[in-house]
């Protein structure tokens, strides 16, 4: 088994209207329940908007903190899921389900190393 990151790519701007967001959140809850039932769920959560971010960067030996996102653009990571899967193909299957639930693009990335490298 390996760990994978599913990063939900959310458009910039405020959240959708409640009548749009509520059914999406129900679908995401169903997705998370399915992940847990398959013993594939490790962690999931939504993120605060990019304006709430800060970036720490080393410049000339000093760490400088800049408010705001690292790379402002039209989209940002709005939430993430960390899951266990046998391989990339299986992780892609979960990403398809999450993309269907959220109606948003989902980036899939495999963690380096073994699962035990990432756990306490």
C-alpha atoms as a PDB file:
ATOM      1  CA  UNK A   1       0.000   0.000   0.000  1.00  0.00           C
ATOM      2  CA  UNK A   2       1.021   3.582  -0.665  1.00  0.00           C
ATOM      3  CA  UNK A   3      -0.229   7.004   0.443  1.00  0.00           C
ATOM      4  CA  UNK A   4      -1.712   9.360  -2.141  1.00  0.00           C
ATOM      5  CA  UNK A   5      -2.810  12.984  -2.045  1.00  0.00           C
ATOM      6  CA  UNK A   6      -6.025  14.004  -3.790  1.00  0.00           C
ATOM      7  CA  UNK A   7      -5.963  17.803  -4.081  1.00  0.00           C
ATOM      8  CA  UNK A   8      -9.242  19.479  -5.033  1.00  0.00           C
ATOM      9  CA  UNK A   9      -8.626  22.394  -7.412  1.00  0.00           C
ATOM     10  CA  UNK A  10     -11.186  25.055  -6.532  1.00  0.00           C
ATOM     11  CA  UNK A  11     -11.844  28.225  -8.533  1.00  0.00           C
ATOM     12  CA  UNK A  12     -10.946  31.486  -6.817  1.00  0.00           C
ATOM     13  CA  UNK A  13     -13.805  33.538  -5.434  1.00  0.00           C
ATOM     14  CA  UNK A  14     -16.361  32.821  -2.786  1.00  0.00           C
ATOM     15  CA  UNK A  15     -18.177  29.561  -2.238  1.00  0.00           C
ATOM     16  CA  UNK A  16     -21.114  28.679  -4.447  1.00  0.00           C
ATOM     17  CA  UNK A  17     -24.665  29.415  -3.344  1.00  0.00           C
ATOM     18  CA  UNK A  18     -26.034  27.114  -0.618  1.00  0.00           C
ATOM     19  CA  UNK A  19     -28.381  25.361  -3.038  1.00  0.00           C
ATOM     20  CA  UNK A  20     -25.314  24.386  -5.114  1.00  0.00           C
ATOM     21  CA  UNK A  21     -22.914  23.673  -2.246  1.00  0.00           C
ATOM     22  CA  UNK A  22     -25.195  21.580  -0.004  1.00  0.00           C
ATOM     23  CA  UNK A  23     -25.663  18.658  -2.420  1.00  0.00           C
ATOM     24  CA  UNK A  24     -21.922  18.696  -3.222  1.00  0.00           C
ATOM     25  CA  UNK A  25     -21.073  18.447   0.487  1.00  0.00           C
ATOM     26  CA  UNK A  26     -23.493  15.513   0.855  1.00  0.00           C
ATOM     27  CA  UNK A  27     -21.713  13.775  -2.033  1.00  0.00           C
ATOM     28  CA  UNK A  28     -18.324  14.455  -0.406  1.00  0.00           C
ATOM     29  CA  UNK A  29     -19.585  13.003   2.904  1.00  0.00           C
ATOM     30  CA  UNK A  30     -20.719   9.884   1.021  1.00  0.00           C
ATOM     31  CA  UNK A  31     -17.302   9.671  -0.678  1.00  0.00           C
ATOM     32  CA  UNK A  32     -15.517   9.944   2.699  1.00  0.00           C
ATOM     33  CA  UNK A  33     -17.769   7.245   4.168  1.00  0.00           C
ATOM     34  CA  UNK A  34     -16.937   4.962   1.239  1.00  0.00           C
ATOM     35  CA  UNK A  35     -13.201   5.608   1.716  1.00  0.00           C
ATOM     36  CA  UNK A  36     -13.500   4.779   5.420  1.00  0.00           C
ATOM     37  CA  UNK A  37     -15.511   1.620   4.739  1.00  0.00           C
ATOM     38  CA  UNK A  38     -12.771   0.475   2.322  1.00  0.00           C
ATOM     39  CA  UNK A  39     -10.114   1.213   4.983  1.00  0.00           C
ATOM     40  CA  UNK A  40      -8.504   3.622   2.493  1.00  0.00           C
ATOM     41  CA  UNK A  41      -9.164   6.887   4.386  1.00  0.00           C
ATOM     42  CA  UNK A  42      -6.237   8.527   6.206  1.00  0.00           C
ATOM     43  CA  UNK A  43      -7.205  12.212   6.410  1.00  0.00           C
ATOM     44  CA  UNK A  44      -9.397  14.751   4.637  1.00  0.00           C
ATOM     45  CA  UNK A  45     -10.317  18.382   5.077  1.00  0.00           C
ATOM     46  CA  UNK A  46     -11.163  21.661   3.452  1.00  0.00           C
ATOM     47  CA  UNK A  47      -8.784  24.601   3.545  1.00  0.00           C
ATOM     48  CA  UNK A  48      -9.285  28.252   4.362  1.00  0.00           C
ATOM     49  CA  UNK A  49      -9.258  30.591   1.321  1.00  0.00           C
ATOM     50  CA  UNK A  50      -5.922  31.609  -0.231  1.00  0.00           C
ATOM     51  CA  UNK A  51      -6.093  35.076   1.366  1.00  0.00           C
ATOM     52  CA  UNK A  52      -5.625  33.357   4.749  1.00  0.00           C
ATOM     53  CA  UNK A  53      -2.332  31.772   3.612  1.00  0.00           C
ATOM     54  CA  UNK A  54       1.224  32.863   4.296  1.00  0.00           C
ATOM     55  CA  UNK A  55       4.497  31.820   2.696  1.00  0.00           C
ATOM     56  CA  UNK A  56       7.782  31.439   4.568  1.00  0.00           C
ATOM     57  CA  UNK A  57      10.787  31.887   2.280  1.00  0.00           C
ATOM     58  CA  UNK A  58      14.537  31.960   2.956  1.00  0.00           C
ATOM     59  CA  UNK A  59      16.192  35.086   1.514  1.00  0.00           C
ATOM     60  CA  UNK A  60      19.831  35.892   2.143  1.00  0.00           C
ATOM     61  CA  UNK A  61      19.909  33.780   5.295  1.00  0.00           C
ATOM     62  CA  UNK A  62      16.716  35.233   6.792  1.00  0.00           C
ATOM     63  CA  UNK A  63      13.229  33.773   6.712  1.00  0.00           C
ATOM     64  CA  UNK A  64      10.750  36.246   5.292  1.00  0.00           C
ATOM     65  CA  UNK A  65       6.999  35.769   5.735  1.00  0.00           C
ATOM     66  CA  UNK A  66       4.692  36.973   2.971  1.00  0.00           C
ATOM     67  CA  UNK A  67       0.944  37.101   3.474  1.00  0.00           C
ATOM     68  CA  UNK A  68      -1.216  35.445   0.850  1.00  0.00           C
ATOM     69  CA  UNK A  69      -0.840  32.377  -1.325  1.00  0.00           C
ATOM     70  CA  UNK A  70       2.411  31.169  -2.853  1.00  0.00           C
ATOM     71  CA  UNK A  71       1.141  31.405  -6.417  1.00  0.00           C
ATOM     72  CA  UNK A  72      -2.029  33.481  -6.829  1.00  0.00           C
ATOM     73  CA  UNK A  73      -4.042  32.446  -9.835  1.00  0.00           C
ATOM     74  CA  UNK A  74      -7.508  31.489 -10.975  1.00  0.00           C
ATOM     75  CA  UNK A  75      -7.608  28.279  -8.897  1.00  0.00           C
ATOM     76  CA  UNK A  76      -6.239  27.049  -5.595  1.00  0.00           C
ATOM     77  CA  UNK A  77      -6.172  23.901  -3.501  1.00  0.00           C
ATOM     78  CA  UNK A  78      -9.496  24.080  -1.697  1.00  0.00           C
ATOM     79  CA  UNK A  79      -9.295  20.780   0.138  1.00  0.00           C
ATOM     80  CA  UNK A  80      -7.414  17.543   0.250  1.00  0.00           C
ATOM     81  CA  UNK A  81      -7.727  13.873   0.952  1.00  0.00           C
ATOM     82  CA  UNK A  82      -4.925  11.546   1.936  1.00  0.00           C
ATOM     83  CA  UNK A  83      -5.692   7.925   1.239  1.00  0.00           C
ATOM     84  CA  UNK A  84      -4.163   4.460   1.111  1.00  0.00           C
ATOM     85  CA  UNK A  85      -4.189   2.583  -2.188  1.00  0.00           C
ATOM     86  CA  UNK A  86      -2.332  -0.357  -3.704  1.00  0.00           C
ATOM     87  CA  UNK A  87      -1.164   1.660  -6.699  1.00  0.00           C
ATOM     88  CA  UNK A  88      -1.665   4.785  -8.807  1.00  0.00           C
ATOM     89  CA  UNK A  89      -4.466   3.171 -10.794  1.00  0.00           C
ATOM     90  CA  UNK A  90      -6.482   2.522  -7.639  1.00  0.00           C
ATOM     91  CA  UNK A  91      -5.833   6.101  -6.435  1.00  0.00           C
ATOM     92  CA  UNK A  92      -7.116   7.372  -9.805  1.00  0.00           C
ATOM     93  CA  UNK A  93     -10.331   5.428  -9.219  1.00  0.00           C
ATOM     94  CA  UNK A  94     -10.828   7.299  -5.953  1.00  0.00           C
ATOM     95  CA  UNK A  95      -9.974  10.594  -7.685  1.00  0.00           C
ATOM     96  CA  UNK A  96     -12.696   9.933 -10.271  1.00  0.00           C
ATOM     97  CA  UNK A  97     -15.227   9.472  -7.478  1.00  0.00           C
ATOM     98  CA  UNK A  98     -14.085  12.639  -5.695  1.00  0.00           C
ATOM     99  CA  UNK A  99     -14.188  14.661  -8.925  1.00  0.00           C
ATOM    100  CA  UNK A 100     -17.740  13.439  -9.489  1.00  0.00           C
ATOM    101  CA  UNK A 101     -18.690  14.351  -5.895  1.00  0.00           C
ATOM    102  CA  UNK A 102     -17.134  17.827  -5.959  1.00  0.00           C
ATOM    103  CA  UNK A 103     -17.625  18.603  -9.678  1.00  0.00           C
ATOM    104  CA  UNK A 104     -14.047  20.000  -9.543  1.00  0.00           C
ATOM    105  CA  UNK A 105     -10.675  18.832 -10.878  1.00  0.00           C
ATOM    106  CA  UNK A 106      -8.718  16.570  -8.522  1.00  0.00           C
ATOM    107  CA  UNK A 107      -4.935  16.267  -8.739  1.00  0.00           C
ATOM    108  CA  UNK A 108      -3.471  12.890  -7.701  1.00  0.00           C
ATOM    109  CA  UNK A 109       0.052  12.685  -6.255  1.00  0.00           C
ATOM    110  CA  UNK A 110       1.825   9.701  -4.717  1.00  0.00           C
ATOM    111  CA  UNK A 111       3.871  10.249  -1.570  1.00  0.00           C
ATOM    112  CA  UNK A 112       7.534   9.334  -1.758  1.00  0.00           C
ATOM    113  CA  UNK A 113       8.720   6.369   0.292  1.00  0.00           C
ATOM    114  CA  UNK A 114       6.628   3.856   2.160  1.00  0.00           C
ATOM    115  CA  UNK A 115       3.481   4.417   4.247  1.00  0.00           C
ATOM    116  CA  UNK A 116       5.329   3.865   7.526  1.00  0.00           C
ATOM    117  CA  UNK A 117       7.664   6.720   6.563  1.00  0.00           C
ATOM    118  CA  UNK A 118       4.698   9.127   6.934  1.00  0.00           C
ATOM    119  CA  UNK A 119       3.187   7.922  10.182  1.00  0.00           C
ATOM    120  CA  UNK A 120       4.271   8.518  13.779  1.00  0.00           C
END
